[in-house]
Structure formats: structure tokens, C-alpha cells
Amino acid sequence: MGKFTKQAYEEFTISADFSKNMALGETIVSQTVGALDVDLEDVSDVVIDQGTVANDGEHKAVCRVRAGEELKSPYKITFRVTTSSAHKWELDIQMRIKES
């Protein structure tokens, strides 16, 4: 599982690279991104800008992360993709909120 730390104010794009799972010429055709807080509550619409969930036309899914609370972290961000070969892959990234 990849991981990163951010402050609550920060908003930026992250990506999940599925190239190690995919065959040559295989591409992502659909993707979703969800998020759970430390209490396992679904906070997908709070910490993920769902309007930015996309793919690069090849092997990466992307989204913009935002907000979050230090006491509710770490968050588990889950990327799920379906490929042109009908394969389904999942990758988790941990997001920790740390106010300095």
C-alpha cells in the first residue's frame, strides 16, 4: 500500500499505477475511487473530488484529494479499475492528515 501525508487545507492529484498488472496494449476503461476513515466510515465525497476521477487512457487512474481531519486519519483510498481485457484491479493508498 502506498501512502502519503497532507494537511487538511491541501488539495492535489494522486494516481494509482496498474501497469504491473496489465498486459501490453491493455488499457483502463472505467474507474472508481472511494475512501474510508479510521472508523471505516465512507467519506468518499468528503476527501475525494469525484468530478476529477479519471484515467490517463493507459494504465493510471487519477483523482484529486482534499480536506480530511487529523483525528479521522489515516484514510484508506481505494482505486478500482476495469480494463479493456475485462480484468478488474484494486489498489489502496493510505492518506494521513498531519497539521504542523
Protein backbone atom coordinates (compact mmCIF):
# COMPACT_ATOMS: atom_id res chain seq x y z
CA MET A 1 0.00 0.00 0.00
CA GLY A 2 1.35 3.39 -0.95
CA LYS A 3 0.97 6.25 1.49
CA PHE A 4 1.34 9.99 1.81
CA THR A 5 0.75 12.78 4.33
CA LYS A 6 -1.02 16.09 3.73
CA GLN A 7 -2.54 18.96 5.65
CA ALA A 8 -6.33 19.39 5.63
CA TYR A 9 -6.15 22.57 3.52
CA GLU A 10 -4.14 20.94 0.73
CA GLU A 11 -5.76 19.68 -2.47
CA PHE A 12 -3.83 17.84 -5.18
CA THR A 13 -3.98 14.99 -7.69
CA ILE A 14 -2.84 11.47 -6.86
CA SER A 15 -2.63 8.45 -9.14
CA ALA A 16 -2.64 4.67 -8.97
CA ASP A 17 -0.47 2.86 -11.50
CA PHE A 18 -1.78 -0.55 -12.59
CA SER A 19 0.87 -1.20 -15.28
CA LYS A 20 2.41 -4.13 -13.36
CA ASN A 21 -0.94 -5.95 -13.54
CA MET A 22 -1.79 -5.17 -17.16
CA ALA A 23 -0.76 -6.81 -20.42
CA LEU A 24 0.82 -4.89 -23.27
CA GLY A 25 -1.88 -2.84 -25.01
CA GLU A 26 -4.42 -3.32 -22.21
CA THR A 27 -5.99 -0.06 -21.03
CA ILE A 28 -8.26 1.14 -18.24
CA VAL A 29 -11.84 1.61 -19.45
CA SER A 30 -13.54 2.52 -16.15
CA GLN A 31 -12.50 3.53 -12.67
CA THR A 32 -13.91 4.40 -9.25
CA VAL A 33 -12.25 5.86 -6.18
CA GLY A 34 -13.58 5.53 -2.64
CA ALA A 35 -12.33 6.45 0.82
CA LEU A 36 -12.82 5.17 4.36
CA ASP A 37 -11.74 6.99 7.51
CA VAL A 38 -10.10 5.37 10.55
CA ASP A 39 -13.59 4.39 11.84
CA LEU A 40 -14.34 2.68 8.49
CA GLU A 41 -16.97 5.28 7.60
CA ASP A 42 -17.38 6.04 3.88
CA VAL A 43 -16.02 9.56 3.34
CA SER A 44 -15.55 9.29 -0.43
CA ASP A 45 -17.41 12.53 -1.18
CA VAL A 46 -15.54 14.41 1.55
CA VAL A 47 -11.90 13.62 0.76
CA ILE A 48 -12.15 12.75 -2.96
CA ASP A 49 -13.27 15.29 -5.58
CA GLN A 50 -15.40 12.76 -7.50
CA GLY A 51 -15.54 15.08 -10.52
CA THR A 52 -11.80 14.51 -11.05
CA VAL A 53 -11.83 10.69 -11.07
CA ALA A 54 -10.41 9.69 -14.45
CA ASN A 55 -7.70 7.67 -16.18
CA ASP A 56 -4.82 8.51 -18.47
CA GLY A 57 -6.06 6.29 -21.32
CA GLU A 58 -3.44 3.71 -20.46
CA HIS A 59 -2.64 2.28 -17.01
CA LYS A 60 -3.12 5.03 -14.41
CA ALA A 61 -6.27 6.12 -12.56
CA VAL A 62 -6.25 9.61 -11.02
CA CYS A 63 -8.25 11.75 -8.61
CA ARG A 64 -7.92 14.93 -6.58
CA VAL A 65 -7.76 14.59 -2.79
CA ARG A 66 -8.96 17.29 -0.41
CA ALA A 67 -9.91 18.06 3.19
CA GLY A 68 -9.65 15.44 5.92
CA GLU A 69 -9.24 15.57 9.69
CA GLU A 70 -6.18 14.53 11.67
CA LEU A 71 -8.30 12.62 14.21
CA LYS A 72 -10.09 10.71 11.41
CA SER A 73 -6.88 9.63 9.67
CA PRO A 74 -5.36 7.57 8.31
CA TYR A 75 -7.79 7.31 5.42
CA LYS A 76 -7.80 4.34 3.06
CA ILE A 77 -8.28 5.48 -0.53
CA THR A 78 -9.25 2.62 -2.85
CA PHE A 79 -8.87 2.78 -6.63
CA ARG A 80 -10.82 0.16 -8.60
CA VAL A 81 -10.45 -0.23 -12.35
CA THR A 82 -11.80 -2.39 -15.14
CA THR A 83 -9.59 -2.91 -18.18
CA SER A 84 -10.11 -3.45 -21.89
CA SER A 85 -9.50 -7.17 -21.25
CA ALA A 86 -12.29 -7.23 -18.61
CA HIS A 87 -9.79 -7.60 -15.79
CA LYS A 88 -10.62 -5.88 -12.50
CA TRP A 89 -7.85 -4.50 -10.30
CA GLU A 90 -7.79 -2.71 -6.95
CA LEU A 91 -5.09 -0.59 -5.31
CA ASP A 92 -5.18 1.03 -1.85
CA ILE A 93 -3.34 4.18 -0.78
CA GLN A 94 -3.15 5.46 2.79
CA MET A 95 -3.65 9.21 3.33
CA ARG A 96 -2.65 10.67 6.68
CA ILE A 97 -3.63 14.18 7.79
CA LYS A 98 -1.00 15.96 9.85
CA GLU A 99 -1.35 19.57 10.87
CA SER A 100 2.00 21.13 11.67
